[in-house]
Protein backbone atom coordinates (compact mmCIF):
# COMPACT_ATOMS: atom_id res chain seq x y z
CA UNK A 1 -15.17 8.56 4.43
CA UNK A 2 -13.91 11.66 6.21
CA UNK A 3 -15.16 10.29 9.54
CA UNK A 4 -13.32 7.02 8.91
CA UNK A 5 -10.17 8.97 8.12
CA UNK A 6 -10.42 11.01 11.31
CA UNK A 7 -11.22 7.92 13.39
CA UNK A 8 -8.18 6.05 12.05
CA UNK A 9 -5.89 8.99 12.59
CA UNK A 10 -7.06 9.70 16.15
CA UNK A 11 -6.89 6.01 17.07
CA UNK A 12 -3.41 5.78 15.56
CA UNK A 13 -2.16 8.72 17.61
CA UNK A 14 -3.74 7.29 20.78
CA UNK A 15 -2.10 3.91 20.20
CA UNK A 16 1.22 5.63 19.51
CA UNK A 17 0.97 7.53 22.80
CA UNK A 18 -0.12 4.37 24.63
CA UNK A 19 2.88 2.49 23.28
CA UNK A 20 5.18 5.26 24.47
CA UNK A 21 3.57 5.15 27.92
CA UNK A 22 4.14 1.39 28.13
CA UNK A 23 7.78 1.95 27.06
CA UNK A 24 8.05 4.48 29.90
CA UNK A 25 6.61 1.93 32.31
CA UNK A 26 9.17 -0.58 31.07
CA UNK A 27 11.94 1.95 31.68
CA UNK A 28 10.69 2.57 35.21
CA UNK A 29 10.64 -1.17 35.84
CA UNK A 30 14.21 -1.46 34.55
CA UNK A 31 15.38 1.40 36.79
CA UNK A 32 13.77 -0.42 39.72
CA UNK A 33 15.80 -3.53 38.68
CA UNK A 34 12.71 -5.58 37.84
CA UNK A 35 14.01 -7.05 34.59
CA UNK A 36 11.56 -9.96 34.33
CA UNK A 37 8.59 -7.59 34.47
CA UNK A 38 10.17 -5.03 32.12
CA UNK A 39 10.78 -7.38 29.17
CA UNK A 40 7.12 -8.35 28.56
CA UNK A 41 6.09 -4.72 29.09
CA UNK A 42 8.55 -3.63 26.40
CA UNK A 43 7.15 -6.27 24.03
CA UNK A 44 3.58 -5.13 24.63
CA UNK A 45 4.64 -1.51 24.18
CA UNK A 46 6.31 -2.37 20.88
CA UNK A 47 3.16 -4.10 19.58
CA UNK A 48 0.93 -1.18 20.62
CA UNK A 49 3.35 1.34 19.08
CA UNK A 50 3.52 -0.57 15.78
CA UNK A 51 -0.28 -0.78 15.68
CA UNK A 52 -0.47 2.99 15.99
CA UNK A 53 2.05 3.46 13.19
CA UNK A 54 0.06 1.09 10.98
CA UNK A 55 -3.18 3.01 11.58
CA UNK A 56 -1.46 6.31 10.80
CA UNK A 57 -0.06 4.91 7.55
CA UNK A 58 -3.46 3.59 6.47
CA UNK A 59 -5.09 6.94 7.34
CA UNK A 60 -2.50 8.72 5.21
CA UNK A 61 -3.10 6.31 2.32
CA UNK A 62 -6.86 6.89 2.58
CA UNK A 63 -6.30 10.66 2.54
CA UNK A 64 -4.17 10.38 -0.62
CA UNK A 65 -6.80 8.23 -2.33
CA UNK A 66 -9.56 10.67 -1.45
CA UNK A 67 -7.57 13.64 -2.77
CA UNK A 68 -6.53 12.01 -6.06
CA UNK A 69 -9.72 10.18 -6.97
CA UNK A 70 -11.09 10.91 -10.45
CA UNK A 71 -14.85 11.21 -11.00
CA UNK A 72 -16.19 8.12 -12.80
CA UNK A 73 -17.67 10.10 -15.72
CA UNK A 74 -14.31 11.70 -16.55
CA UNK A 75 -12.49 8.39 -16.27
CA UNK A 76 -14.73 6.74 -18.88
CA UNK A 77 -14.35 9.45 -21.53
CA UNK A 78 -12.22 8.45 -24.48
CA UNK A 79 -10.11 10.72 -26.64
CA UNK A 80 -11.61 9.08 -29.76
CA UNK A 81 -15.37 8.86 -29.28
CA UNK A 82 -17.17 6.16 -31.23
CA UNK A 83 -14.13 4.00 -32.01
CA UNK A 84 -13.23 0.77 -30.35
CA UNK A 85 -9.77 -0.44 -29.46
CA UNK A 86 -10.01 -3.21 -32.09
CA UNK A 87 -10.52 -0.61 -34.84
CA UNK A 88 -7.31 1.27 -34.02
CA UNK A 89 -5.06 -1.59 -32.91
CA UNK A 90 -2.25 -2.73 -35.25
CA UNK A 91 -2.47 -6.09 -37.05
CA UNK A 92 -1.01 -9.12 -35.25
CA UNK A 93 2.68 -9.85 -35.80
CA UNK A 94 3.92 -13.34 -36.65
CA UNK A 95 6.36 -14.68 -34.07
CA UNK A 96 7.54 -17.76 -35.97
CA UNK A 97 10.04 -17.39 -38.86
CA UNK A 98 8.70 -17.67 -42.38
CA UNK A 99 8.99 -21.02 -44.15
CA UNK A 100 10.93 -19.72 -47.19
CA UNK A 101 13.71 -18.47 -44.89
CA UNK A 102 14.02 -21.97 -43.43
CA UNK A 103 14.22 -23.45 -46.96
CA UNK A 104 17.03 -21.07 -47.92
CA UNK A 105 19.04 -22.18 -44.91
CA UNK A 106 18.46 -25.88 -45.73
CA UNK A 107 19.48 -25.45 -49.40
CA UNK A 108 22.49 -23.20 -48.76
């Protein structure tokens, strides 16, 4: 998992730098008054840059998951050993009104 984290982070930074280089190329094309070539270059640079940001965000999320993961044995331990949830749950509550309350309203 650590290798996957490092690979995502390095690839994200490389894509981020590549996107910035393509933006620089687009700027050079604009300064040379080659507008029709600069617009697609800026679009490609934007896509590459956003891909790098996405990889960096997913690498950060993976790092957070790895740091906060709980061992499976500790996650399964219960505070009340030997009891089930059905034994400690409250009885079901009736949602409908009682019939004698409806009779009182009809009589009164």
